[in-house]
Amino acid sequence: MNRKPSAHLLGLGLDNEDGHKRLTKAEDFSVVGGSEETHERMTETLLKTMQDLKGKGKPLADTEPRELADLLHKNASS
């Protein structure tokens, strides 16, 4: 049986001081925890990154780590 490679990114926020439990799930990523600001920033970064990959016609599982790191850095800065 030939299995297609899969990938999933996990964003983990550790700065939750308000006691709220935050979880955002998407097809290719999940964001868990963090303050409201951190959680939103991580979610936005990952959404933009997935949009960039989709625009290139590239699934996450086929993306080289360096390319993914560059996209994450670019989208976290914007």
N, C-alpha and C. Protein backbone atom coordinates (compact mmCIF):
# COMPACT_ATOMS: atom_id res chain seq x y z
N MET A 1 0.85 -1.19 0.00
CA MET A 1 0.00 0.00 0.00
C MET A 1 0.89 1.24 0.00
N ASN A 2 0.65 2.13 -0.94
CA ASN A 2 1.40 3.37 -1.05
C ASN A 2 0.66 4.48 -0.32
N ARG A 3 1.29 5.05 0.70
CA ARG A 3 0.66 6.15 1.44
C ARG A 3 1.20 7.47 0.95
N LYS A 4 0.30 8.41 0.81
CA LYS A 4 0.68 9.76 0.43
C LYS A 4 1.20 10.47 1.69
N PRO A 5 2.35 11.15 1.60
CA PRO A 5 2.87 11.84 2.78
C PRO A 5 1.90 12.93 3.24
N SER A 6 1.83 13.11 4.53
CA SER A 6 0.97 14.16 5.07
C SER A 6 1.80 15.05 5.99
N ALA A 7 1.29 16.23 6.24
CA ALA A 7 1.97 17.18 7.11
C ALA A 7 0.93 18.03 7.81
N HIS A 8 1.27 18.49 9.00
CA HIS A 8 0.39 19.35 9.77
C HIS A 8 1.27 20.22 10.66
N LEU A 9 1.04 21.53 10.64
CA LEU A 9 1.80 22.43 11.48
C LEU A 9 1.05 22.68 12.79
N LEU A 10 1.81 22.84 13.87
CA LEU A 10 1.22 23.11 15.18
C LEU A 10 1.84 24.37 15.74
N GLY A 11 1.00 25.36 16.02
CA GLY A 11 1.44 26.58 16.70
C GLY A 11 1.05 26.47 18.15
N LEU A 12 2.00 26.67 19.04
CA LEU A 12 1.75 26.54 20.47
C LEU A 12 2.08 27.85 21.17
N GLY A 13 1.06 28.49 21.72
CA GLY A 13 1.25 29.75 22.45
C GLY A 13 1.39 29.48 23.93
N LEU A 14 2.41 30.04 24.53
CA LEU A 14 2.70 29.77 25.94
C LEU A 14 2.48 30.97 26.85
N ASP A 15 1.95 32.06 26.30
CA ASP A 15 1.83 33.29 27.10
C ASP A 15 0.39 33.58 27.54
N ASN A 16 -0.39 32.56 27.81
CA ASN A 16 -1.78 32.75 28.20
C ASN A 16 -1.86 33.12 29.67
N GLU A 17 -2.31 34.34 29.94
CA GLU A 17 -2.42 34.81 31.32
C GLU A 17 -3.87 35.05 31.75
N ASP A 18 -4.81 34.91 30.80
CA ASP A 18 -6.20 35.23 31.12
C ASP A 18 -7.05 34.00 31.41
N GLY A 19 -6.47 32.81 31.35
CA GLY A 19 -7.20 31.59 31.67
C GLY A 19 -8.07 31.04 30.55
N HIS A 20 -8.18 31.73 29.43
CA HIS A 20 -8.98 31.25 28.31
C HIS A 20 -8.24 30.13 27.58
N LYS A 21 -9.00 29.16 27.10
CA LYS A 21 -8.43 28.09 26.29
C LYS A 21 -8.76 28.38 24.84
N ARG A 22 -7.71 28.52 24.04
CA ARG A 22 -7.90 28.86 22.63
C ARG A 22 -7.43 27.72 21.75
N LEU A 23 -8.23 27.41 20.74
CA LEU A 23 -7.88 26.35 19.80
C LEU A 23 -8.45 26.71 18.43
N THR A 24 -7.57 26.75 17.45
CA THR A 24 -7.99 26.98 16.07
C THR A 24 -7.46 25.81 15.25
N LYS A 25 -8.36 25.15 14.52
CA LYS A 25 -7.97 24.00 13.70
C LYS A 25 -8.31 24.26 12.25
N ALA A 26 -7.38 23.87 11.38
CA ALA A 26 -7.59 23.96 9.94
C ALA A 26 -7.07 22.66 9.33
N GLU A 27 -7.21 22.53 8.04
CA GLU A 27 -6.79 21.29 7.38
C GLU A 27 -5.29 21.01 7.57
N ASP A 28 -4.47 22.05 7.45
CA ASP A 28 -3.01 21.85 7.49
C ASP A 28 -2.34 22.37 8.75
N PHE A 29 -3.11 22.98 9.67
CA PHE A 29 -2.48 23.50 10.88
C PHE A 29 -3.46 23.59 12.04
N SER A 30 -2.89 23.65 13.23
CA SER A 30 -3.65 23.90 14.46
C SER A 30 -2.88 24.91 15.29
N VAL A 31 -3.60 25.77 15.98
CA VAL A 31 -3.00 26.73 16.90
C VAL A 31 -3.64 26.49 18.25
N VAL A 32 -2.79 26.29 19.26
CA VAL A 32 -3.26 25.96 20.60
C VAL A 32 -2.68 26.96 21.59
N GLY A 33 -3.55 27.50 22.45
CA GLY A 33 -3.10 28.34 23.55
C GLY A 33 -2.69 29.73 23.13
N GLY A 34 -2.00 30.38 24.05
CA GLY A 34 -1.53 31.74 23.84
C GLY A 34 -2.54 32.77 24.28
N SER A 35 -2.03 33.98 24.46
CA SER A 35 -2.92 35.11 24.74
C SER A 35 -3.76 35.37 23.49
N GLU A 36 -4.76 36.20 23.62
CA GLU A 36 -5.61 36.50 22.46
C GLU A 36 -4.76 37.05 21.32
N GLU A 37 -3.85 37.98 21.62
CA GLU A 37 -3.00 38.59 20.59
C GLU A 37 -2.08 37.56 19.94
N THR A 38 -1.42 36.74 20.75
CA THR A 38 -0.50 35.74 20.22
C THR A 38 -1.23 34.72 19.37
N HIS A 39 -2.36 34.25 19.85
CA HIS A 39 -3.14 33.25 19.12
C HIS A 39 -3.58 33.80 17.75
N GLU A 40 -4.07 35.03 17.74
CA GLU A 40 -4.50 35.65 16.49
C GLU A 40 -3.32 35.83 15.53
N ARG A 41 -2.17 36.25 16.05
CA ARG A 41 -0.99 36.47 15.21
C ARG A 41 -0.50 35.16 14.60
N MET A 42 -0.46 34.10 15.41
CA MET A 42 -0.03 32.80 14.89
C MET A 42 -1.01 32.28 13.84
N THR A 43 -2.29 32.41 14.11
CA THR A 43 -3.31 31.95 13.17
C THR A 43 -3.20 32.70 11.84
N GLU A 44 -3.05 34.02 11.91
CA GLU A 44 -2.93 34.83 10.70
C GLU A 44 -1.67 34.45 9.92
N THR A 45 -0.57 34.24 10.61
CA THR A 45 0.68 33.85 9.95
C THR A 45 0.52 32.52 9.22
N LEU A 46 -0.10 31.56 9.87
CA LEU A 46 -0.28 30.25 9.25
C LEU A 46 -1.29 30.31 8.09
N LEU A 47 -2.34 31.09 8.23
CA LEU A 47 -3.30 31.24 7.12
C LEU A 47 -2.62 31.84 5.89
N LYS A 48 -1.83 32.90 6.09
CA LYS A 48 -1.12 33.52 4.97
C LYS A 48 -0.13 32.54 4.34
N THR A 49 0.54 31.77 5.16
CA THR A 49 1.51 30.79 4.66
C THR A 49 0.82 29.73 3.83
N MET A 50 -0.31 29.22 4.30
CA MET A 50 -1.05 28.21 3.54
C MET A 50 -1.59 28.80 2.23
N GLN A 51 -2.00 30.07 2.24
CA GLN A 51 -2.45 30.73 1.02
C GLN A 51 -1.29 30.85 0.02
N ASP A 52 -0.11 31.20 0.52
CA ASP A 52 1.06 31.28 -0.37
C ASP A 52 1.36 29.93 -1.01
N LEU A 53 1.31 28.87 -0.22
CA LEU A 53 1.57 27.54 -0.76
C LEU A 53 0.51 27.14 -1.78
N LYS A 54 -0.73 27.45 -1.47
CA LYS A 54 -1.82 27.14 -2.41
C LYS A 54 -1.62 27.90 -3.72
N GLY A 55 -1.20 29.15 -3.62
CA GLY A 55 -0.93 29.95 -4.81
C GLY A 55 0.19 29.37 -5.67
N LYS A 56 1.12 28.68 -5.02
CA LYS A 56 2.21 28.03 -5.75
C LYS A 56 1.83 26.63 -6.22
N GLY A 57 0.62 26.19 -5.82
CA GLY A 57 0.19 24.85 -6.17
C GLY A 57 0.96 23.76 -5.45
N LYS A 58 1.41 24.07 -4.24
CA LYS A 58 2.27 23.17 -3.48
C LYS A 58 1.59 22.73 -2.18
N PRO A 59 1.41 21.43 -1.98
CA PRO A 59 0.89 21.00 -0.69
C PRO A 59 1.98 21.12 0.39
N LEU A 60 1.55 21.27 1.61
CA LEU A 60 2.47 21.40 2.74
C LEU A 60 3.45 20.23 2.79
N ALA A 61 2.96 19.02 2.54
CA ALA A 61 3.80 17.82 2.63
C ALA A 61 4.94 17.82 1.62
N ASP A 62 4.79 18.58 0.53
CA ASP A 62 5.82 18.63 -0.52
C ASP A 62 6.71 19.86 -0.42
N THR A 63 6.56 20.63 0.65
CA THR A 63 7.33 21.87 0.81
C THR A 63 8.60 21.59 1.60
N GLU A 64 9.71 22.06 1.06
CA GLU A 64 10.99 21.90 1.74
C GLU A 64 11.00 22.73 3.03
N PRO A 65 11.62 22.23 4.08
CA PRO A 65 11.66 22.96 5.36
C PRO A 65 12.18 24.40 5.23
N ARG A 66 13.20 24.62 4.43
CA ARG A 66 13.77 25.97 4.28
C ARG A 66 12.75 26.91 3.64
N GLU A 67 12.04 26.43 2.61
CA GLU A 67 11.03 27.26 1.96
C GLU A 67 9.90 27.59 2.94
N LEU A 68 9.49 26.59 3.72
CA LEU A 68 8.44 26.81 4.71
C LEU A 68 8.89 27.82 5.76
N ALA A 69 10.11 27.69 6.24
CA ALA A 69 10.65 28.63 7.23
C ALA A 69 10.68 30.05 6.66
N ASP A 70 11.09 30.19 5.40
CA ASP A 70 11.12 31.52 4.77
C ASP A 70 9.72 32.12 4.67
N LEU A 71 8.74 31.31 4.28
CA LEU A 71 7.36 31.80 4.18
C LEU A 71 6.81 32.19 5.55
N LEU A 72 7.06 31.37 6.56
CA LEU A 72 6.59 31.67 7.91
C LEU A 72 7.21 32.97 8.41
N HIS A 73 8.50 33.13 8.18
CA HIS A 73 9.18 34.36 8.61
C HIS A 73 8.60 35.58 7.90
N LYS A 74 8.41 35.48 6.58
CA LYS A 74 7.84 36.58 5.80
C LYS A 74 6.44 36.94 6.31
N ASN A 75 5.62 35.92 6.53
CA ASN A 75 4.23 36.17 6.94
C ASN A 75 4.10 36.60 8.39
N ALA A 76 5.04 36.24 9.23
CA ALA A 76 5.02 36.68 10.62
C ALA A 76 5.42 38.15 10.72
N SER A 77 6.21 38.59 9.75
CA SER A 77 6.71 39.98 9.76
C SER A 77 5.74 40.95 9.12
N SER A 78 4.79 40.44 8.34
CA SER A 78 3.89 41.36 7.63
C SER A 78 2.65 41.68 8.42
